[in-house]
Structure formats: structure tokens, C-alpha cells
Amino acid sequence: MNVRLLVVEPEVLRRRLVCESALCVADVEVIGVASSLQDEAVLNAVDPEIILVDASLVENERGALIEVAQRHAGAYFVLFGAYADLDALLFGLPVPLRGYLS
């Protein structure tokens, strides 16, 4: 049984590296990649189980994040990246957040 992963990262190199790393893990299937939470690949993804999102996008695309969480109600969110004020970022975040990777 594969875990269906959707990767959202604005930087091309980091996006590629994250996807290549995920492909090295047994039972992980990368079902889509996007540079923004507003990309069609995110909105039209079929049944992602985990949506891995660069933390820098959360502040700038909060409305899109809420829309994605509603559209993919069964998915869990994991944020990654470096963010100076993690508490401020996560405060009141209305999505099923399962983790933060720094």
C-alpha cells in the first residue's frame, strides 16, 4: 500500500530533491508536484494522503491553503523548511497539520 504524496515547493531544485528523496522511501508514491498552493496540480490532485508544503508558502498563500484543505479533506499536511517564527506561522492554522520538518 503506497502513501500518496503531493509536494508543494516554489524552488525548482528543492522540489526536485524532495521528490527524489521521497522516491527512495518504500511505499511512497509522489502523485504530484507544484510550485504554489494555487497550481492546478494541487487543486486537481486525486486523493493525496500527505501534502508536503514549504512553510514559506503558508504565510503568503493562507487562503489557498484553506481551500486545499477543504478540497482534500482526508489529507494530512506536513510543513517543511526554515521559518523564523514557527509559533506565529502555526497559530490558528485551520488544516490537519501532522508535522514540521526543518
Protein backbone atom coordinates (compact mmCIF):
# COMPACT_ATOMS: atom_id res chain seq x y z
CA MET A 1 0.00 0.00 0.00
CA ASN A 2 1.57 3.28 -1.10
CA VAL A 3 1.32 6.61 0.70
CA ARG A 4 0.17 9.19 -1.87
CA LEU A 5 2.37 12.30 -1.53
CA LEU A 6 1.85 15.72 -3.08
CA VAL A 7 4.86 18.08 -2.91
CA VAL A 8 4.43 21.87 -2.97
CA GLU A 9 7.74 23.78 -3.13
CA PRO A 10 8.41 27.04 -5.03
CA GLU A 11 12.10 26.41 -5.74
CA VAL A 12 12.79 24.04 -8.64
CA LEU A 13 15.94 22.45 -7.19
CA ARG A 14 14.47 21.86 -3.73
CA ARG A 15 11.29 20.49 -5.30
CA ARG A 16 13.32 18.01 -7.34
CA LEU A 17 15.44 16.97 -4.35
CA VAL A 18 12.40 16.43 -2.14
CA CYS A 19 10.74 14.31 -4.82
CA GLU A 20 13.88 12.25 -5.43
CA SER A 21 14.25 11.67 -1.68
CA ALA A 22 10.62 10.60 -1.38
CA LEU A 23 11.05 8.13 -4.22
CA CYS A 24 13.80 6.40 -2.22
CA VAL A 25 11.33 5.53 0.52
CA ALA A 26 9.44 2.28 0.11
CA ASP A 27 5.68 2.64 -0.19
CA VAL A 28 5.73 6.35 -1.07
CA GLU A 29 4.23 7.47 -4.36
CA VAL A 30 4.71 11.07 -5.47
CA ILE A 31 1.39 11.82 -7.17
CA GLY A 32 2.11 15.45 -8.00
CA VAL A 33 4.41 18.41 -7.65
CA ALA A 34 3.67 22.11 -7.68
CA SER A 35 5.36 25.43 -7.10
CA SER A 36 2.33 27.02 -5.42
CA LEU A 37 -0.75 26.02 -3.47
CA GLN A 38 -2.74 27.65 -6.25
CA ASP A 39 -1.34 25.40 -9.00
CA GLU A 40 -3.74 23.15 -10.90
CA ALA A 41 -1.64 20.13 -9.84
CA VAL A 42 -2.64 20.80 -6.23
CA LEU A 43 -6.27 21.58 -6.86
CA ASN A 44 -6.78 18.60 -9.18
CA ALA A 45 -4.70 16.03 -7.28
CA VAL A 46 -6.50 12.73 -6.80
CA ASP A 47 -6.70 11.59 -3.18
CA PRO A 48 -3.39 12.81 -1.74
CA GLU A 49 -2.77 11.38 1.71
CA ILE A 50 0.07 13.73 2.65
CA ILE A 51 0.58 17.22 1.27
CA LEU A 52 4.15 18.34 1.92
CA VAL A 53 4.22 22.16 1.82
CA ASP A 54 7.13 24.58 2.02
CA ALA A 55 6.49 26.67 5.15
CA SER A 56 7.19 29.92 3.31
CA LEU A 57 4.02 29.40 1.26
CA VAL A 58 1.74 29.22 4.30
CA GLU A 59 2.01 32.90 5.14
CA ASN A 60 1.67 34.15 1.56
CA GLU A 61 -0.95 31.66 0.38
CA ARG A 62 -3.03 31.13 3.52
CA GLY A 63 -6.34 31.43 1.64
CA ALA A 64 -5.22 28.87 -0.92
CA LEU A 65 -4.06 26.58 1.90
CA ILE A 66 -7.54 26.65 3.43
CA GLU A 67 -9.10 25.90 0.03
CA VAL A 68 -6.72 22.97 -0.49
CA ALA A 69 -7.51 21.63 3.00
CA GLN A 70 -11.23 21.76 2.21
CA ARG A 71 -10.82 20.19 -1.22
CA HIS A 72 -8.59 17.39 0.11
CA ALA A 73 -10.32 16.87 3.45
CA GLY A 74 -8.75 13.45 4.03
CA ALA A 75 -5.17 14.62 3.54
CA TYR A 76 -2.66 15.47 6.25
CA PHE A 77 -0.31 18.43 5.91
CA VAL A 78 3.38 18.40 6.74
CA LEU A 79 5.29 21.68 6.55
CA PHE A 80 9.00 21.84 5.83
CA GLY A 81 11.72 24.45 5.52
CA ALA A 82 13.18 27.15 7.70
CA TYR A 83 10.86 29.67 9.26
CA ALA A 84 11.94 32.17 11.90
CA ASP A 85 8.70 32.38 13.91
CA LEU A 86 7.16 28.93 13.86
CA ASP A 87 4.61 29.75 16.58
CA ALA A 88 3.23 32.69 14.58
CA LEU A 89 3.12 30.55 11.45
CA LEU A 90 1.16 27.73 13.08
CA PHE A 91 -1.15 29.83 15.25
CA GLY A 92 -4.70 29.25 14.14
CA LEU A 93 -3.71 27.22 11.10
CA PRO A 94 -7.02 25.60 10.10
CA VAL A 95 -5.58 22.48 8.47
CA PRO A 96 -4.85 18.95 9.76
CA LEU A 97 -1.15 19.55 10.40
CA ARG A 98 0.82 16.39 11.21
CA GLY A 99 4.34 17.70 11.37
CA TYR A 100 7.05 20.21 10.63
CA LEU A 101 10.43 19.32 9.13
CA SER A 102 13.20 21.89 9.35
